[in-house]
Protein backbone atom coordinates (compact mmCIF):
# COMPACT_ATOMS: atom_id res chain seq x y z
CA MET A 1 12.84 -67.70 89.34
CA ALA A 2 12.40 -63.97 90.05
CA SER A 3 15.48 -61.81 90.17
CA ALA A 4 16.79 -60.54 93.51
CA GLU A 5 15.66 -57.03 92.55
CA LYS A 6 12.01 -58.20 92.36
CA ARG A 7 11.95 -60.00 95.72
CA GLU A 8 9.96 -58.63 98.60
CA ILE A 9 12.33 -57.82 101.44
CA THR A 10 11.40 -59.09 104.91
CA ARG A 11 9.73 -56.51 107.15
CA HIS A 12 9.78 -56.49 110.93
CA PRO A 13 7.56 -54.56 113.35
CA ASN A 14 9.29 -51.85 115.35
CA GLU A 15 9.16 -53.86 118.62
CA TYR A 16 11.34 -56.55 117.01
CA PHE A 17 14.31 -54.15 117.31
CA TYR A 18 13.95 -53.36 121.02
CA LYS A 19 14.68 -55.35 124.17
CA ALA A 20 12.14 -55.83 126.97
CA ASP A 21 13.57 -52.77 128.76
CA GLY A 22 13.06 -50.62 125.63
CA THR A 23 16.73 -50.34 124.64
CA PHE A 24 17.74 -50.68 121.00
CA ASP A 25 18.85 -54.22 120.13
CA GLU A 26 21.76 -53.77 117.71
CA ALA A 27 22.15 -57.53 117.23
CA LYS A 28 18.54 -57.87 116.04
CA ALA A 29 19.00 -54.90 113.73
CA LYS A 30 22.11 -56.43 112.19
CA GLU A 31 20.29 -59.76 111.77
CA ALA A 32 17.59 -57.94 109.79
CA TYR A 33 20.19 -56.32 107.53
CA TYR A 34 22.00 -59.63 106.98
CA LYS A 35 18.66 -61.15 105.96
CA MET A 36 18.10 -58.23 103.55
CA PHE A 37 21.62 -58.71 102.11
CA GLU A 38 20.81 -62.37 101.42
CA GLU A 39 17.47 -61.49 99.84
CA PHE A 40 19.15 -58.93 97.56
CA GLY A 41 22.11 -61.22 96.78
CA TYR A 42 24.55 -58.68 98.29
CA PRO A 43 27.77 -60.41 99.43
CA ILE A 44 28.39 -60.42 103.18
CA VAL A 45 32.15 -59.92 103.23
CA PRO A 46 34.05 -60.53 106.50
CA ARG A 47 34.30 -56.80 107.29
CA LEU A 48 30.48 -56.67 107.46
CA ARG A 49 30.71 -59.12 110.38
CA SER A 50 33.01 -56.72 112.25
CA ALA A 51 32.41 -53.61 114.37
CA ASP A 52 32.96 -51.52 111.20
CA PHE A 53 29.34 -52.32 110.29
CA TRP A 54 27.17 -50.11 112.48
CA VAL A 55 23.45 -49.64 113.05
CA VAL A 56 21.64 -46.69 114.62
CA ASP A 57 18.08 -45.77 115.61
CA PHE A 58 18.98 -42.09 116.08
CA GLY A 59 17.61 -42.17 119.64
CA LEU A 60 13.98 -41.96 118.49
CA GLY A 61 12.96 -45.52 119.37
CA LYS A 62 11.40 -45.95 115.90
CA PHE A 63 14.02 -48.04 114.10
CA ALA A 64 11.49 -49.50 111.65
CA GLU A 65 10.82 -45.92 110.46
CA VAL A 66 13.94 -43.88 111.29
CA GLY A 67 17.17 -45.88 111.25
CA MET A 68 19.95 -47.20 109.12
CA GLY A 69 22.93 -49.46 108.91
CA GLY A 70 26.17 -48.52 107.26
CA ILE A 71 29.83 -49.08 106.75
CA PHE A 72 32.46 -46.47 105.95
CA TRP A 73 34.69 -48.30 103.48
CA VAL A 74 37.03 -45.31 103.43
CA ASN A 75 37.06 -41.84 105.01
CA ASN A 76 40.26 -40.07 103.96
CA GLN A 77 40.66 -36.55 105.31
CA GLU A 78 44.07 -35.90 103.79
CA ASP A 79 42.92 -36.58 100.21
CA ASN A 80 39.28 -35.59 100.85
CA TYR A 81 37.30 -38.66 99.79
CA PHE A 82 34.77 -40.96 101.38
CA GLY A 83 33.10 -44.24 100.42
CA HIS A 84 30.04 -45.48 102.30
CA ASP A 85 27.36 -48.10 101.83
CA ILE A 86 23.99 -47.18 103.34
CA TYR A 87 21.55 -49.92 104.34
CA LEU A 88 17.85 -49.17 104.71
CA LEU A 89 15.22 -51.76 105.61
CA PRO A 90 11.76 -51.45 104.05
CA GLY A 91 10.11 -48.28 105.31
CA GLN A 92 13.25 -46.76 106.83
CA MET A 93 14.49 -43.22 106.38
CA ILE A 94 17.71 -41.45 107.25
CA PRO A 95 16.60 -38.42 109.27
CA GLU A 96 16.86 -35.06 107.62
CA HIS A 97 20.28 -33.51 108.13
CA ARG A 98 22.96 -31.30 106.65
CA HIS A 99 26.74 -31.03 106.82
CA VAL A 100 28.11 -27.67 107.94
CA ARG A 101 31.61 -26.27 107.70
CA THR A 102 33.94 -27.11 110.58
CA GLU A 103 37.72 -27.29 110.25
CA ALA A 104 36.78 -29.31 107.17
CA ALA A 105 34.69 -28.11 104.24
CA PRO A 106 31.01 -29.10 104.25
CA LYS A 107 30.59 -32.65 102.99
CA MET A 108 29.22 -33.03 99.46
CA GLU A 109 27.57 -36.30 98.44
CA GLY A 110 26.02 -38.34 95.68
CA TRP A 111 24.03 -41.58 95.99
CA GLN A 112 23.61 -44.64 93.78
CA PRO A 113 21.14 -47.41 94.67
CA ARG A 114 22.75 -50.80 94.10
CA HIS A 115 19.76 -52.89 95.18
CA GLY A 116 16.22 -51.63 95.66
CA TRP A 117 15.31 -48.00 95.08
CA ILE A 118 15.03 -44.81 97.11
CA TYR A 119 13.54 -41.38 97.27
CA ILE A 120 16.02 -38.60 97.96
CA TYR A 121 14.88 -35.23 99.25
CA GLY A 122 16.63 -31.90 98.95
CA GLU A 123 15.93 -28.21 99.16
CA GLY A 124 13.96 -26.53 96.40
CA GLU A 125 10.40 -26.38 95.15
CA PRO A 126 8.32 -29.00 97.03
CA THR A 127 7.27 -31.93 94.89
CA PRO A 128 3.45 -32.20 94.54
CA GLY A 129 2.14 -34.97 96.83
CA VAL A 130 5.35 -35.15 98.87
CA GLU A 131 3.46 -34.74 102.16
CA GLU A 132 2.01 -38.24 101.71
CA ARG A 133 5.48 -39.81 101.72
CA ILE A 134 7.10 -37.96 104.63
CA PRO A 135 7.25 -40.46 107.52
CA PRO A 136 5.24 -39.43 110.61
CA SER A 137 8.28 -38.54 112.73
CA HIS A 138 9.35 -35.87 110.23
CA LYS A 139 6.09 -34.35 108.97
CA GLU A 140 6.50 -31.29 111.20
CA CYS A 141 10.25 -30.71 110.84
CA ALA A 142 11.24 -31.72 107.29
CA ILE A 143 12.61 -28.77 105.35
CA ALA A 144 13.79 -30.68 102.25
CA ARG A 145 10.68 -31.52 100.24
CA CYS A 146 11.97 -31.61 96.67
CA GLU A 147 11.75 -35.32 95.84
CA LYS A 148 13.57 -37.49 93.31
CA LYS A 149 13.16 -41.24 92.85
CA LEU A 150 16.39 -43.14 92.18
CA MET A 151 16.41 -46.63 90.68
CA PRO A 152 19.42 -49.01 90.64
CA GLY A 153 22.27 -47.49 88.64
CA GLU A 154 20.90 -43.95 88.76
CA VAL A 155 22.81 -41.29 90.68
CA GLY A 156 21.46 -38.32 92.60
CA GLN A 157 23.50 -35.52 94.13
CA LEU A 158 23.22 -33.06 96.96
CA GLY A 159 22.07 -29.71 95.55
CA GLY A 160 24.71 -27.64 97.31
CA ALA A 161 26.90 -27.25 100.36
CA GLU A 162 25.15 -27.25 103.73
CA GLN A 163 21.73 -28.06 102.23
CA TRP A 164 19.16 -30.10 104.14
CA HIS A 165 18.53 -33.59 102.76
CA TRP A 166 17.21 -37.05 103.65
CA MET A 167 16.53 -40.42 102.12
CA TYR A 168 13.66 -42.93 102.27
CA ALA A 169 13.47 -46.55 101.10
CA PRO A 170 9.84 -47.75 100.94
CA GLU A 171 10.88 -51.30 99.98
CA GLY A 172 14.45 -51.46 101.38
CA ALA A 173 17.67 -50.50 99.63
CA ILE A 174 21.44 -50.75 99.53
CA VAL A 175 22.94 -47.44 98.44
CA THR A 176 26.53 -46.48 97.66
CA GLU A 177 27.47 -42.96 98.66
CA TYR A 178 30.27 -41.05 96.94
CA ALA A 179 31.40 -38.04 98.93
CA THR A 180 34.05 -35.73 100.20
CA TYR A 181 35.54 -36.32 103.67
CA HIS A 182 32.96 -36.94 106.41
CA ASP A 183 33.54 -34.84 109.52
CA GLY A 184 31.03 -36.03 112.10
CA ALA A 185 31.35 -32.71 113.95
CA GLY A 186 29.62 -31.00 111.03
CA LEU A 187 26.48 -33.14 111.14
CA ARG A 188 23.23 -31.32 112.04
CA PHE A 189 19.68 -32.76 112.21
CA SER A 190 16.38 -30.94 111.77
CA HIS A 191 14.52 -33.24 114.20
CA PRO A 192 15.22 -31.88 117.70
CA ASP A 193 15.34 -35.31 119.37
CA VAL A 194 17.73 -37.10 117.00
CA VAL A 195 20.89 -38.47 118.63
CA PHE A 196 23.83 -39.78 116.60
């Protein structure tokens, strides 16, 4: 039998994630992530069945391309640490963003794929051929075009405070993020229509 890492993860068309009136269907999105968890052999602990597990389409109506699920396991401002699992279905990206200084320092992050693999993008010299992998919604606005592929167990890091970055999972991925405190007020997106 093939290992969970070699399995093809179920894909859904974009319309699967939207109700007849066009609104985002969070329940359908969560169902898709639960299916991916099962296909990867990732344990669905009780907290993942609670409101702590969130999904978002970033207001673009393109969840199959731009969307994510996640859970903040810990977000401790006093001691300045953060633990987050990021869930990306096949073909999904986290929209390009950065973390600016507020009352808190800009968030710094590192990422480790646990299941599946990802591309991470940061500022710097553009990677040759990167244009082919930027999803359509971000071709015009993506600033971060320096690409690195991360396989399970590898770790990538943000290049510096307040730098633009994004992530893409062509085949689906579960990624653990190690970071400093996350202050949502410091989050900025390069795409003008993103809502979070």
